Amino acid sequence: MNITNNQASKALYQAIDKANEIGVSANITILDTAGHLKLFARMDDAFLGSIDISMGKAKTAMLFRMNSEKVGEFLAPEMGTYGMLQTSGGLVGFKGGMPVTTGTEILAYIGVSGGSPDQDFEIAKAGSTI
């Protein structure tokens, strides 16, 4: 099942509320389960350079159906799969990308960029359950 407009809006605004609460201007991407853009927001003063990062985090989470930092564990040189970083148009293997769920079912993917990896994770997590 794909995410509806109302569900995507709820996820986006939950993430924006968290970003405002912690004082981070972020770019927030919501992709449907096929990896197509559903919603995007660039908050006031968010870095232009982090637009692609937010989209990359959501895409990475979608491609592997897991948090982007979990994919990052496979990208470490000692894993022998670090070349994977350049696949699928580039992967982003640090915090801020994750599935959006109803608790049990994946409906979409969210990617956040604009703060530290921990801040991006906190913002994405706020939008990850609807």
Protein backbone atom coordinates (compact mmCIF):
# COMPACT_ATOMS: atom_id res chain seq x y z
CA MET A 1 0.00 0.00 0.00
CA ASN A 2 1.27 3.45 -0.84
CA ILE A 3 1.06 6.47 1.36
CA THR A 4 -1.89 8.83 0.81
CA ASN A 5 -1.56 12.59 0.50
CA ASN A 6 -3.01 13.01 3.98
CA GLN A 7 -0.62 10.48 5.50
CA ALA A 8 2.37 12.02 3.72
CA SER A 9 1.36 15.48 4.92
CA LYS A 10 1.05 14.19 8.48
CA ALA A 11 4.54 12.63 8.34
CA LEU A 12 6.00 15.80 6.83
CA TYR A 13 4.44 18.11 9.40
CA GLN A 14 5.44 15.87 12.31
CA ALA A 15 9.02 16.10 11.04
CA ILE A 16 8.79 19.88 10.54
CA ASP A 17 7.41 20.29 14.06
CA LYS A 18 10.37 18.34 15.48
CA ALA A 19 12.85 20.35 13.38
CA ASN A 20 11.35 23.59 14.70
CA GLU A 21 11.40 22.23 18.25
CA ILE A 22 15.14 21.46 18.09
CA GLY A 23 16.03 24.54 16.04
CA VAL A 24 17.13 22.90 12.78
CA SER A 25 16.27 24.17 9.29
CA ALA A 26 15.98 20.95 7.32
CA ASN A 27 15.15 19.56 3.93
CA ILE A 28 12.61 16.76 4.25
CA THR A 29 11.81 14.26 1.51
CA ILE A 30 8.97 11.74 1.46
CA LEU A 31 9.20 9.00 -1.21
CA ASP A 32 6.50 6.42 -1.93
CA THR A 33 7.38 2.73 -1.72
CA ALA A 34 8.46 2.73 -5.39
CA GLY A 35 10.91 5.56 -4.71
CA HIS A 36 8.94 8.33 -6.38
CA LEU A 37 8.71 11.76 -4.78
CA LYS A 38 5.50 12.22 -2.80
CA LEU A 39 6.29 15.38 -0.81
CA PHE A 40 9.27 17.63 -0.22
CA ALA A 41 9.82 20.63 2.02
CA ARG A 42 12.79 22.98 2.26
CA MET A 43 12.42 24.84 5.50
CA ASP A 44 13.43 28.49 5.67
CA ASP A 45 17.24 28.82 5.76
CA ALA A 46 17.81 25.11 5.04
CA PHE A 47 21.06 24.46 3.17
CA LEU A 48 20.63 24.07 -0.57
CA GLY A 49 23.36 21.42 -0.54
CA SER A 50 21.34 19.21 1.74
CA ILE A 51 18.39 18.89 -0.67
CA ASP A 52 20.13 16.06 -2.54
CA ILE A 53 21.29 14.53 0.74
CA SER A 54 17.73 14.32 2.10
CA MET A 55 16.58 12.72 -1.14
CA GLY A 56 19.55 10.33 -1.08
CA LYS A 57 18.81 9.25 2.48
CA ALA A 58 15.17 8.50 1.63
CA LYS A 59 16.22 6.66 -1.54
CA THR A 60 18.84 4.60 0.33
CA ALA A 61 16.26 3.60 2.95
CA MET A 62 13.79 2.69 0.19
CA LEU A 63 16.26 0.59 -1.80
CA PHE A 64 17.13 -1.56 1.21
CA ARG A 65 13.92 -1.18 3.30
CA MET A 66 15.94 -0.14 6.34
CA ASN A 67 17.36 2.95 7.99
CA SER A 68 20.09 4.65 5.97
CA GLU A 69 22.65 4.27 8.78
CA LYS A 70 22.06 0.49 8.76
CA VAL A 71 22.95 0.48 5.05
CA GLY A 72 26.02 2.52 6.03
CA GLU A 73 27.29 -0.43 8.06
CA PHE A 74 27.77 -2.31 4.78
CA LEU A 75 29.65 0.61 3.22
CA ALA A 76 32.62 0.50 5.60
CA PRO A 77 35.87 -0.48 3.84
CA GLU A 78 36.42 -3.44 6.17
CA MET A 79 33.13 -4.95 5.01
CA GLY A 80 34.50 -5.55 1.52
CA THR A 81 31.31 -4.06 0.00
CA TYR A 82 32.30 -0.40 0.15
CA GLY A 83 32.04 -0.13 -3.67
CA MET A 84 28.32 -0.39 -3.08
CA LEU A 85 28.39 3.33 -2.25
CA GLN A 86 28.47 4.18 -5.96
CA THR A 87 25.55 1.93 -6.94
CA SER A 88 21.97 3.02 -7.64
CA GLY A 89 23.05 6.57 -8.41
CA GLY A 90 24.82 6.88 -5.05
CA LEU A 91 23.89 5.79 -1.56
CA VAL A 92 23.87 7.84 1.65
CA GLY A 93 24.87 5.66 4.57
CA PHE A 94 24.41 7.86 7.61
CA LYS A 95 21.48 8.79 9.86
CA GLY A 96 18.38 10.54 8.59
CA GLY A 97 16.65 8.11 6.22
CA MET A 98 14.08 5.53 7.31
CA PRO A 99 10.79 3.83 6.49
CA VAL A 100 7.50 5.56 7.30
CA THR A 101 5.14 3.01 8.82
CA THR A 102 1.76 2.55 10.39
CA GLY A 103 3.61 0.55 13.02
CA THR A 104 3.69 -2.68 11.02
CA GLU A 105 3.42 -1.75 7.33
CA ILE A 106 5.88 0.37 5.34
CA LEU A 107 3.98 3.11 3.49
CA ALA A 108 6.82 5.39 2.39
CA TYR A 109 10.34 6.57 3.18
CA ILE A 110 11.56 9.79 4.76
CA GLY A 111 14.93 11.48 4.34
CA VAL A 112 16.10 14.49 6.35
CA SER A 113 19.18 16.66 6.00
CA GLY A 114 20.13 19.98 7.53
CA GLY A 115 21.45 19.26 10.99
CA SER A 116 23.90 16.81 12.49
CA PRO A 117 23.27 13.13 11.73
CA ASP A 118 21.71 12.74 15.20
CA GLN A 119 19.43 15.75 14.66
CA ASP A 120 18.44 14.49 11.20
CA PHE A 121 17.61 11.10 12.75
CA GLU A 122 15.47 12.73 15.44
CA ILE A 123 13.53 14.73 12.82
CA ALA A 124 13.06 11.72 10.53
CA LYS A 125 11.94 9.58 13.45
CA ALA A 126 9.26 12.13 14.30
CA GLY A 127 7.82 11.68 10.80
CA SER A 128 8.32 7.94 10.55
CA THR A 129 5.17 6.70 12.29
CA ILE A 130 1.73 7.84 11.20
